[in-house]
N, C-alpha and C. Protein backbone atom coordinates (compact mmCIF):
# COMPACT_ATOMS: atom_id res chain seq x y z
N MET A 1 -61.37 124.00 82.51
CA MET A 1 -60.65 125.23 82.79
C MET A 1 -59.42 125.32 81.91
N ALA A 2 -59.18 126.47 81.43
CA ALA A 2 -58.01 126.68 80.59
C ALA A 2 -56.82 126.98 81.48
N THR A 3 -55.68 126.48 81.06
CA THR A 3 -54.47 126.72 81.84
C THR A 3 -53.61 127.72 81.11
N SER A 4 -53.05 128.61 81.85
CA SER A 4 -52.23 129.65 81.23
C SER A 4 -50.78 129.23 81.17
N GLY A 5 -50.39 128.22 81.95
CA GLY A 5 -49.01 127.76 81.93
C GLY A 5 -48.08 128.67 82.70
N LYS A 6 -48.57 129.77 83.24
CA LYS A 6 -47.73 130.68 84.00
C LYS A 6 -47.76 130.31 85.48
N ARG A 7 -46.72 130.63 86.17
CA ARG A 7 -46.69 130.47 87.62
C ARG A 7 -47.05 131.81 88.23
N HIS A 8 -47.94 131.75 89.21
CA HIS A 8 -48.36 132.97 89.88
C HIS A 8 -47.42 133.25 91.02
N SER A 9 -47.18 134.50 91.30
CA SER A 9 -46.26 134.86 92.37
C SER A 9 -47.02 135.33 93.60
N THR A 10 -46.34 135.31 94.71
CA THR A 10 -46.92 135.79 95.95
C THR A 10 -46.86 137.31 95.94
N SER A 11 -48.03 137.92 96.16
CA SER A 11 -48.02 139.37 96.12
C SER A 11 -48.66 140.02 97.33
N SER A 12 -49.45 139.28 98.10
CA SER A 12 -50.12 139.91 99.23
C SER A 12 -49.99 139.06 100.47
N SER A 13 -50.27 139.70 101.61
CA SER A 13 -50.21 139.00 102.88
C SER A 13 -51.46 139.36 103.66
N ARG A 14 -52.11 138.37 104.26
CA ARG A 14 -53.34 138.60 104.99
C ARG A 14 -53.19 138.46 106.48
N GLY A 15 -52.03 138.17 106.99
CA GLY A 15 -51.83 138.04 108.43
C GLY A 15 -52.23 136.69 108.98
N THR A 16 -52.49 135.71 108.13
CA THR A 16 -52.83 134.36 108.59
C THR A 16 -51.55 133.54 108.67
N PRO A 17 -51.59 132.41 109.37
CA PRO A 17 -50.38 131.59 109.46
C PRO A 17 -49.90 131.20 108.07
N GLY A 18 -48.66 131.42 107.79
CA GLY A 18 -48.08 131.08 106.50
C GLY A 18 -48.48 132.03 105.40
N ALA A 19 -49.08 133.18 105.73
CA ALA A 19 -49.58 134.09 104.71
C ALA A 19 -48.47 134.70 103.88
N SER A 20 -47.27 134.75 104.39
CA SER A 20 -46.18 135.33 103.62
C SER A 20 -45.65 134.35 102.58
N GLU A 21 -46.17 133.16 102.56
CA GLU A 21 -45.70 132.16 101.61
C GLU A 21 -46.76 131.92 100.54
N ALA A 22 -46.35 131.50 99.37
CA ALA A 22 -47.27 131.24 98.27
C ALA A 22 -48.02 129.94 98.51
N LEU A 23 -49.16 129.81 97.84
CA LEU A 23 -49.92 128.57 97.89
C LEU A 23 -49.44 127.65 96.78
N ALA A 24 -49.57 126.34 96.98
CA ALA A 24 -49.14 125.38 95.98
C ALA A 24 -50.13 124.23 95.94
N CYS A 25 -50.20 123.59 94.79
CA CYS A 25 -51.05 122.41 94.63
C CYS A 25 -50.27 121.21 95.16
N PRO A 26 -50.87 120.40 96.05
CA PRO A 26 -50.15 119.25 96.58
C PRO A 26 -49.93 118.15 95.54
N ARG A 27 -50.70 118.15 94.44
CA ARG A 27 -50.54 117.11 93.43
C ARG A 27 -49.53 117.49 92.35
N CYS A 28 -49.66 118.71 91.78
CA CYS A 28 -48.79 119.08 90.66
C CYS A 28 -47.73 120.12 91.02
N ALA A 29 -47.75 120.63 92.24
CA ALA A 29 -46.76 121.58 92.77
C ALA A 29 -46.80 122.94 92.08
N ARG A 30 -47.84 123.23 91.37
CA ARG A 30 -47.97 124.54 90.73
C ARG A 30 -48.26 125.58 91.81
N ARG A 31 -47.64 126.76 91.71
CA ARG A 31 -47.80 127.81 92.72
C ARG A 31 -48.85 128.82 92.30
N TYR A 32 -49.52 129.38 93.35
CA TYR A 32 -50.60 130.34 93.12
C TYR A 32 -50.49 131.48 94.13
N ASP A 33 -51.23 132.58 93.82
CA ASP A 33 -51.35 133.69 94.76
C ASP A 33 -52.21 133.27 95.93
N LEU A 34 -52.18 134.07 96.98
CA LEU A 34 -52.93 133.76 98.19
C LEU A 34 -54.44 133.89 98.02
N ASP A 35 -54.90 134.56 96.95
CA ASP A 35 -56.34 134.73 96.78
C ASP A 35 -57.00 133.53 96.09
N ARG A 36 -56.24 132.55 95.67
CA ARG A 36 -56.76 131.33 95.04
C ARG A 36 -57.03 130.26 96.09
N ARG A 37 -57.95 129.35 95.81
CA ARG A 37 -58.26 128.26 96.74
C ARG A 37 -58.06 126.88 96.13
N PHE A 38 -58.20 126.76 94.79
CA PHE A 38 -58.10 125.47 94.12
C PHE A 38 -57.17 125.55 92.93
N CYS A 39 -56.53 124.44 92.61
CA CYS A 39 -55.61 124.36 91.46
C CYS A 39 -56.43 124.44 90.16
N GLU A 40 -55.95 125.23 89.22
CA GLU A 40 -56.62 125.35 87.93
C GLU A 40 -56.47 124.11 87.08
N ASP A 41 -55.39 123.34 87.28
CA ASP A 41 -55.14 122.15 86.47
C ASP A 41 -55.91 120.92 86.96
N CYS A 42 -55.82 120.65 88.27
CA CYS A 42 -56.39 119.40 88.78
C CYS A 42 -57.52 119.59 89.78
N GLY A 43 -57.80 120.82 90.19
CA GLY A 43 -58.90 121.08 91.09
C GLY A 43 -58.65 120.76 92.56
N MET A 44 -57.42 120.41 92.90
CA MET A 44 -57.09 120.10 94.30
C MET A 44 -57.09 121.36 95.14
N PRO A 45 -57.48 121.26 96.43
CA PRO A 45 -57.36 122.42 97.32
C PRO A 45 -55.89 122.78 97.51
N LEU A 46 -55.61 124.06 97.56
CA LEU A 46 -54.22 124.52 97.67
C LEU A 46 -53.77 124.53 99.12
N VAL A 47 -52.46 124.37 99.32
CA VAL A 47 -51.86 124.41 100.65
C VAL A 47 -50.73 125.43 100.63
N TYR A 48 -50.30 125.86 101.80
CA TYR A 48 -49.19 126.80 101.86
C TYR A 48 -47.90 126.11 101.43
N ALA A 49 -47.20 126.69 100.50
CA ALA A 49 -45.94 126.13 100.02
C ALA A 49 -44.84 126.48 101.00
N GLY A 50 -44.03 125.53 101.30
CA GLY A 50 -42.90 125.78 102.19
C GLY A 50 -43.28 125.91 103.64
N ALA A 51 -44.54 125.78 103.96
CA ALA A 51 -44.95 125.86 105.36
C ALA A 51 -44.45 124.64 106.09
N ALA A 52 -44.18 124.83 107.35
CA ALA A 52 -43.69 123.71 108.15
C ALA A 52 -44.78 122.65 108.21
N THR A 53 -44.46 121.44 107.77
CA THR A 53 -45.42 120.35 107.80
C THR A 53 -45.25 119.50 109.04
N VAL A 54 -44.28 119.84 109.89
CA VAL A 54 -44.06 119.08 111.10
C VAL A 54 -45.10 119.48 112.13
N GLU A 55 -45.84 118.51 112.60
CA GLU A 55 -46.87 118.77 113.61
C GLU A 55 -46.19 118.97 114.96
N GLU A 56 -46.47 120.09 115.57
CA GLU A 56 -45.91 120.37 116.89
C GLU A 56 -46.70 119.60 117.94
N PRO A 57 -46.02 118.96 118.89
CA PRO A 57 -46.74 118.22 119.92
C PRO A 57 -47.54 119.15 120.82
N GLU A 58 -48.72 118.67 121.24
CA GLU A 58 -49.60 119.47 122.08
C GLU A 58 -49.10 119.53 123.52
N SER A 59 -48.46 118.45 123.98
CA SER A 59 -47.97 118.38 125.35
C SER A 59 -46.78 117.42 125.38
N SER A 60 -46.15 117.33 126.54
CA SER A 60 -45.02 116.40 126.65
C SER A 60 -45.48 114.96 126.53
N ALA A 61 -46.69 114.65 127.00
CA ALA A 61 -47.22 113.29 126.87
C ALA A 61 -47.46 112.96 125.40
N HIS A 62 -47.97 113.94 124.64
CA HIS A 62 -48.19 113.75 123.20
C HIS A 62 -46.86 113.53 122.48
N GLU A 63 -45.85 114.29 122.85
CA GLU A 63 -44.53 114.15 122.24
C GLU A 63 -43.95 112.76 122.52
N ARG A 64 -44.10 112.26 123.75
CA ARG A 64 -43.62 110.92 124.10
C ARG A 64 -44.36 109.85 123.30
N ALA A 65 -45.67 110.02 123.16
CA ALA A 65 -46.48 109.02 122.45
C ALA A 65 -46.10 108.94 120.98
N ARG A 66 -45.67 110.05 120.39
CA ARG A 66 -45.28 110.05 118.98
C ARG A 66 -44.02 109.25 118.74
N LYS A 67 -43.19 109.04 119.76
CA LYS A 67 -41.93 108.31 119.60
C LYS A 67 -42.12 106.80 119.67
N ILE A 68 -43.23 106.34 120.22
CA ILE A 68 -43.45 104.92 120.45
C ILE A 68 -43.75 104.20 119.14
N ARG A 69 -43.06 103.06 118.94
CA ARG A 69 -43.30 102.23 117.76
C ARG A 69 -44.47 101.28 118.07
N PRO A 70 -45.56 101.34 117.30
CA PRO A 70 -46.75 100.54 117.59
C PRO A 70 -46.50 99.05 117.67
N GLU A 71 -45.56 98.53 116.88
CA GLU A 71 -45.31 97.08 116.90
C GLU A 71 -44.68 96.61 118.21
N LEU A 72 -44.21 97.53 119.03
CA LEU A 72 -43.59 97.17 120.31
C LEU A 72 -44.54 97.36 121.48
N THR A 73 -45.84 97.44 121.22
CA THR A 73 -46.81 97.69 122.29
C THR A 73 -47.70 96.50 122.59
N ARG A 74 -47.37 95.34 122.06
CA ARG A 74 -48.25 94.18 122.21
C ARG A 74 -47.76 93.21 123.27
N GLY A 75 -48.71 92.63 123.96
CA GLY A 75 -48.39 91.57 124.91
C GLY A 75 -48.44 92.04 126.36
N ASP A 76 -48.25 91.07 127.25
CA ASP A 76 -48.23 91.35 128.69
C ASP A 76 -46.97 92.10 129.07
N LEU A 77 -47.01 92.76 130.22
CA LEU A 77 -45.84 93.50 130.70
C LEU A 77 -44.80 92.54 131.27
N VAL A 78 -43.54 92.80 130.95
CA VAL A 78 -42.42 91.99 131.39
C VAL A 78 -41.37 92.91 132.02
N ARG A 79 -40.81 92.50 133.14
CA ARG A 79 -39.78 93.29 133.80
C ARG A 79 -38.47 93.13 133.04
N VAL A 80 -37.88 94.26 132.62
CA VAL A 80 -36.63 94.21 131.88
C VAL A 80 -35.48 94.85 132.64
N ALA A 81 -35.77 95.67 133.65
CA ALA A 81 -34.70 96.32 134.40
C ALA A 81 -35.26 96.79 135.73
N TRP A 82 -34.35 97.22 136.60
CA TRP A 82 -34.75 97.82 137.87
C TRP A 82 -33.85 99.01 138.10
N ALA A 83 -34.36 99.92 138.91
CA ALA A 83 -33.61 101.14 139.22
C ALA A 83 -33.60 101.32 140.74
N ARG A 84 -32.57 102.01 141.23
CA ARG A 84 -32.45 102.23 142.68
C ARG A 84 -33.40 103.28 143.21
N HIS A 85 -33.83 104.21 142.33
CA HIS A 85 -34.73 105.28 142.76
C HIS A 85 -35.44 105.84 141.53
N GLN A 86 -36.35 106.79 141.75
CA GLN A 86 -37.19 107.32 140.69
C GLN A 86 -36.39 107.98 139.56
N ALA A 87 -35.37 108.74 139.90
CA ALA A 87 -34.59 109.44 138.86
C ALA A 87 -33.90 108.44 137.92
N GLU A 88 -33.35 107.39 138.47
CA GLU A 88 -32.69 106.37 137.64
C GLU A 88 -33.74 105.66 136.78
N ALA A 89 -34.92 105.42 137.33
CA ALA A 89 -35.99 104.78 136.57
C ALA A 89 -36.42 105.64 135.38
N GLU A 90 -36.51 106.95 135.59
CA GLU A 90 -36.88 107.85 134.51
C GLU A 90 -35.80 107.90 133.43
N LEU A 91 -34.55 107.81 133.82
CA LEU A 91 -33.45 107.76 132.85
C LEU A 91 -33.60 106.52 131.97
N ILE A 92 -33.85 105.38 132.58
CA ILE A 92 -34.02 104.14 131.83
C ILE A 92 -35.24 104.24 130.91
N GLN A 93 -36.32 104.80 131.42
CA GLN A 93 -37.52 104.98 130.60
C GLN A 93 -37.22 105.82 129.37
N ASN A 94 -36.47 106.90 129.53
CA ASN A 94 -36.14 107.76 128.40
C ASN A 94 -35.22 107.06 127.41
N LEU A 95 -34.30 106.22 127.88
CA LEU A 95 -33.46 105.44 126.97
C LEU A 95 -34.32 104.50 126.13
N LEU A 96 -35.27 103.86 126.77
CA LEU A 96 -36.15 102.94 126.05
C LEU A 96 -37.04 103.70 125.07
N LEU A 97 -37.51 104.87 125.47
CA LEU A 97 -38.37 105.67 124.60
C LEU A 97 -37.63 106.09 123.33
N GLU A 98 -36.35 106.37 123.43
CA GLU A 98 -35.57 106.74 122.25
C GLU A 98 -35.50 105.59 121.24
N GLU A 99 -35.69 104.36 121.71
CA GLU A 99 -35.72 103.19 120.82
C GLU A 99 -37.14 102.86 120.39
N GLY A 100 -38.11 103.63 120.86
CA GLY A 100 -39.50 103.41 120.49
C GLY A 100 -40.23 102.41 121.37
N VAL A 101 -39.64 102.04 122.51
CA VAL A 101 -40.22 101.04 123.40
C VAL A 101 -40.98 101.75 124.53
N PRO A 102 -42.29 101.50 124.65
CA PRO A 102 -43.02 102.08 125.78
C PRO A 102 -42.66 101.34 127.06
N SER A 103 -42.68 102.03 128.18
CA SER A 103 -42.35 101.38 129.45
C SER A 103 -43.16 101.97 130.58
N ILE A 104 -43.25 101.21 131.65
CA ILE A 104 -43.97 101.62 132.85
C ILE A 104 -43.03 101.42 134.03
N VAL A 105 -43.02 102.37 134.94
CA VAL A 105 -42.22 102.25 136.16
C VAL A 105 -43.17 101.88 137.29
N ARG A 106 -42.78 100.85 138.04
CA ARG A 106 -43.59 100.39 139.17
C ARG A 106 -42.69 100.25 140.38
N ARG A 107 -43.17 100.68 141.54
CA ARG A 107 -42.41 100.53 142.77
C ARG A 107 -42.20 99.04 143.02
N THR A 108 -40.97 98.65 143.30
CA THR A 108 -40.66 97.25 143.55
C THR A 108 -41.41 96.77 144.79
N ALA A 109 -42.01 95.60 144.69
CA ALA A 109 -42.79 95.05 145.79
C ALA A 109 -41.90 94.74 146.99
N GLY A 110 -42.43 94.94 148.18
CA GLY A 110 -41.72 94.58 149.39
C GLY A 110 -40.92 95.68 150.03
N PHE A 111 -40.92 96.87 149.47
CA PHE A 111 -40.17 97.97 150.06
C PHE A 111 -41.14 98.97 150.65
N ASP A 112 -40.97 99.25 151.92
CA ASP A 112 -41.89 100.11 152.65
C ASP A 112 -41.38 101.55 152.65
N VAL A 113 -41.63 102.24 151.52
CA VAL A 113 -41.26 103.64 151.38
C VAL A 113 -42.54 104.38 151.00
N PRO A 114 -42.83 105.49 151.64
CA PRO A 114 -44.06 106.22 151.28
C PRO A 114 -44.09 106.58 149.80
N ASP A 115 -45.28 106.55 149.21
CA ASP A 115 -45.43 106.78 147.77
C ASP A 115 -44.97 108.16 147.32
N PHE A 116 -45.03 109.15 148.19
CA PHE A 116 -44.67 110.49 147.77
C PHE A 116 -43.16 110.70 147.71
N LEU A 117 -42.36 109.76 148.17
CA LEU A 117 -40.90 109.88 148.10
C LEU A 117 -40.37 109.26 146.82
N ALA A 118 -39.31 109.82 146.30
CA ALA A 118 -38.69 109.29 145.09
C ALA A 118 -37.69 108.19 145.41
N ALA A 119 -37.51 107.90 146.69
CA ALA A 119 -36.57 106.87 147.10
C ALA A 119 -37.20 105.49 146.91
N GLY A 120 -36.36 104.50 146.92
CA GLY A 120 -36.84 103.13 146.82
C GLY A 120 -36.70 102.57 145.43
N PRO A 121 -36.46 101.28 145.34
CA PRO A 121 -36.24 100.64 144.04
C PRO A 121 -37.51 100.60 143.19
N ARG A 122 -37.30 100.58 141.88
CA ARG A 122 -38.40 100.56 140.91
C ARG A 122 -38.13 99.47 139.88
N ASP A 123 -39.20 98.86 139.39
CA ASP A 123 -39.13 97.92 138.28
C ASP A 123 -39.53 98.65 137.01
N ILE A 124 -38.85 98.34 135.91
CA ILE A 124 -39.20 98.92 134.61
C ILE A 124 -39.80 97.78 133.80
N LEU A 125 -41.04 97.98 133.36
CA LEU A 125 -41.79 96.95 132.64
C LEU A 125 -42.05 97.42 131.22
N VAL A 126 -41.96 96.49 130.26
CA VAL A 126 -42.26 96.78 128.86
C VAL A 126 -43.16 95.67 128.32
N PRO A 127 -43.92 95.93 127.24
CA PRO A 127 -44.73 94.88 126.62
C PRO A 127 -43.83 93.78 126.05
N GLU A 128 -44.37 92.56 125.96
CA GLU A 128 -43.61 91.40 125.49
C GLU A 128 -42.97 91.63 124.12
N SER A 129 -43.67 92.31 123.23
CA SER A 129 -43.13 92.52 121.88
C SER A 129 -41.92 93.45 121.87
N GLY A 130 -41.71 94.21 122.95
CA GLY A 130 -40.58 95.13 123.00
C GLY A 130 -39.43 94.67 123.86
N VAL A 131 -39.50 93.45 124.40
CA VAL A 131 -38.48 92.97 125.34
C VAL A 131 -37.10 92.90 124.69
N GLU A 132 -37.00 92.32 123.51
CA GLU A 132 -35.69 92.16 122.85
C GLU A 132 -35.05 93.51 122.53
N VAL A 133 -35.85 94.44 122.02
CA VAL A 133 -35.34 95.77 121.69
C VAL A 133 -34.91 96.48 122.97
N ALA A 134 -35.71 96.33 124.03
CA ALA A 134 -35.38 96.97 125.31
C ALA A 134 -34.09 96.41 125.89
N ARG A 135 -33.94 95.10 125.88
CA ARG A 135 -32.72 94.48 126.42
C ARG A 135 -31.49 94.91 125.62
N ALA A 136 -31.63 95.00 124.30
CA ALA A 136 -30.52 95.44 123.46
C ALA A 136 -30.16 96.90 123.78
N ALA A 137 -31.16 97.75 123.96
CA ALA A 137 -30.90 99.16 124.29
C ALA A 137 -30.23 99.28 125.65
N LEU A 138 -30.67 98.50 126.62
CA LEU A 138 -30.07 98.54 127.96
C LEU A 138 -28.64 98.03 127.92
N GLN A 139 -28.40 97.00 127.13
CA GLN A 139 -27.04 96.46 127.02
C GLN A 139 -26.12 97.48 126.34
N THR A 140 -26.61 98.17 125.33
CA THR A 140 -25.83 99.21 124.66
C THR A 140 -25.48 100.33 125.62
N ALA A 141 -26.43 100.67 126.50
CA ALA A 141 -26.21 101.74 127.48
C ALA A 141 -25.46 101.23 128.72
N GLU A 142 -25.07 99.97 128.69
CA GLU A 142 -24.34 99.33 129.79
C GLU A 142 -25.13 99.37 131.10
N ILE A 143 -26.43 99.14 130.98
CA ILE A 143 -27.30 99.02 132.14
C ILE A 143 -27.67 97.55 132.25
N GLU A 144 -27.46 96.99 133.42
CA GLU A 144 -27.71 95.56 133.61
C GLU A 144 -29.21 95.28 133.57
N PRO A 145 -29.66 94.47 132.60
CA PRO A 145 -31.08 94.13 132.56
C PRO A 145 -31.44 93.12 133.65
N SER A 146 -32.71 93.02 133.94
CA SER A 146 -33.18 92.03 134.92
C SER A 146 -32.92 90.64 134.37
N PRO A 147 -32.69 89.68 135.27
CA PRO A 147 -32.50 88.31 134.79
C PRO A 147 -33.76 87.81 134.10
N VAL A 148 -33.56 86.92 133.14
CA VAL A 148 -34.68 86.35 132.41
C VAL A 148 -35.51 85.50 133.37
N SER A 149 -36.82 85.60 133.25
CA SER A 149 -37.71 84.83 134.09
C SER A 149 -37.50 83.34 133.86
N LEU A 150 -37.56 82.56 134.92
CA LEU A 150 -37.33 81.13 134.83
C LEU A 150 -38.58 80.35 134.52
N GLY A 151 -39.68 80.98 134.29
CA GLY A 151 -40.91 80.28 133.96
C GLY A 151 -42.00 80.60 134.94
N PRO A 152 -43.07 79.82 134.89
CA PRO A 152 -44.23 80.12 135.70
C PRO A 152 -44.05 79.82 137.19
N GLY A 153 -43.06 79.06 137.59
CA GLY A 153 -42.85 78.76 139.00
C GLY A 153 -42.84 77.27 139.25
N PRO A 154 -42.77 76.87 140.54
CA PRO A 154 -42.70 75.44 140.85
C PRO A 154 -44.01 74.73 140.55
N THR A 155 -43.88 73.45 140.19
CA THR A 155 -45.07 72.65 139.92
C THR A 155 -45.62 72.10 141.23
N ARG A 156 -46.80 71.56 141.19
CA ARG A 156 -47.44 71.00 142.39
C ARG A 156 -46.62 69.84 142.94
N SER A 157 -46.10 68.97 142.09
CA SER A 157 -45.32 67.83 142.57
C SER A 157 -44.03 68.30 143.26
N HIS A 158 -43.44 69.37 142.76
CA HIS A 158 -42.23 69.91 143.38
C HIS A 158 -42.55 70.43 144.79
N VAL A 159 -43.65 71.12 144.94
CA VAL A 159 -44.06 71.66 146.24
C VAL A 159 -44.32 70.51 147.22
N VAL A 160 -44.99 69.45 146.76
CA VAL A 160 -45.29 68.30 147.63
C VAL A 160 -43.99 67.64 148.09
N ARG A 161 -43.03 67.47 147.19
CA ARG A 161 -41.75 66.85 147.57
C ARG A 161 -41.00 67.69 148.60
N VAL A 162 -41.04 69.02 148.45
CA VAL A 162 -40.36 69.89 149.41
C VAL A 162 -41.03 69.78 150.78
N LEU A 163 -42.36 69.78 150.82
CA LEU A 163 -43.07 69.65 152.08
C LEU A 163 -42.79 68.31 152.77
N ILE A 164 -42.72 67.23 152.01
CA ILE A 164 -42.40 65.91 152.57
C ILE A 164 -40.98 65.93 153.15
N ALA A 165 -40.04 66.54 152.43
CA ALA A 165 -38.66 66.60 152.92
C ALA A 165 -38.57 67.42 154.21
N VAL A 166 -39.30 68.53 154.30
CA VAL A 166 -39.29 69.35 155.51
C VAL A 166 -39.90 68.58 156.67
N ALA A 167 -41.00 67.86 156.44
CA ALA A 167 -41.65 67.08 157.50
C ALA A 167 -40.74 65.94 157.97
N ALA A 168 -40.07 65.29 157.02
CA ALA A 168 -39.16 64.20 157.38
C ALA A 168 -37.98 64.75 158.18
N GLY A 169 -37.45 65.90 157.80
CA GLY A 169 -36.35 66.52 158.55
C GLY A 169 -36.78 66.88 159.95
N GLY A 170 -38.00 67.39 160.10
CA GLY A 170 -38.53 67.72 161.43
C GLY A 170 -38.70 66.47 162.27
N GLY A 171 -39.14 65.38 161.66
CA GLY A 171 -39.31 64.12 162.39
C GLY A 171 -37.98 63.58 162.87
N VAL A 172 -36.95 63.65 162.02
CA VAL A 172 -35.62 63.18 162.40
C VAL A 172 -35.07 64.04 163.54
N ALA A 173 -35.26 65.36 163.47
CA ALA A 173 -34.78 66.25 164.53
C ALA A 173 -35.51 65.94 165.84
N ALA A 174 -36.80 65.68 165.81
CA ALA A 174 -37.57 65.33 167.02
C ALA A 174 -37.09 64.00 167.59
N LEU A 175 -36.79 63.03 166.76
CA LEU A 175 -36.29 61.72 167.21
C LEU A 175 -34.93 61.85 167.88
N ILE A 176 -34.05 62.69 167.32
CA ILE A 176 -32.72 62.91 167.92
C ILE A 176 -32.86 63.60 169.26
N ALA A 177 -33.75 64.61 169.34
CA ALA A 177 -33.97 65.31 170.61
C ALA A 177 -34.53 64.34 171.66
N TRP A 178 -35.46 63.48 171.29
CA TRP A 178 -36.04 62.51 172.23
C TRP A 178 -34.96 61.55 172.72
N ALA A 179 -34.10 61.08 171.78
CA ALA A 179 -33.04 60.16 172.15
C ALA A 179 -32.06 60.82 173.11
N LEU A 180 -31.72 62.09 172.90
CA LEU A 180 -30.78 62.79 173.78
C LEU A 180 -31.39 63.00 175.15
N VAL A 181 -32.68 63.31 175.23
CA VAL A 181 -33.32 63.52 176.53
C VAL A 181 -33.36 62.22 177.31
N HIS A 182 -33.65 61.08 176.69
CA HIS A 182 -33.69 59.79 177.38
C HIS A 182 -32.30 59.26 177.72
N ALA A 183 -31.28 59.61 176.93
CA ALA A 183 -29.92 59.16 177.20
C ALA A 183 -29.36 59.88 178.42
N VAL A 184 -29.72 61.13 178.63
CA VAL A 184 -29.21 61.92 179.75
C VAL A 184 -29.92 61.47 181.04
N SER A 185 -31.18 61.10 181.00
CA SER A 185 -31.90 60.75 182.22
C SER A 185 -31.61 59.39 182.67
């Protein structure tokens, strides 16, 4: 194809989205009229020049998902904060979302509040890969993060020692009670 070296101007409008704007080649940026479909120089399909390239979110869930950083979505869920009620939990969730950290709100175990009420404490959980970023964001916002987990829990030997100590204490208490009953009689 021969090139004329001229830039074509926008002269017509067809009522389609972006129709009032000229078409341009995405590779060489050469502008064309709206009746053209391909670049004369490189053969690339033309796009609307100056058209908004920002994709509008389809829903609020889609908008939230676009803010999440993929590298912070890996690993098991870890509790990083707690809230006194649903509104406070949503505030914390939004703070974390601004940092790209996905989070889940879960009703704190052991509180007997009907599910349809917004009252009652909530745990805020994030994936393991996002814990450090989440804690830093909470500290910046002056929100007290949950204490760091102390590990998987007591070992079997620790449990056995505690049970032996409780049994021995009960035996000593029974011996003292027996001695007091026989001393009085």
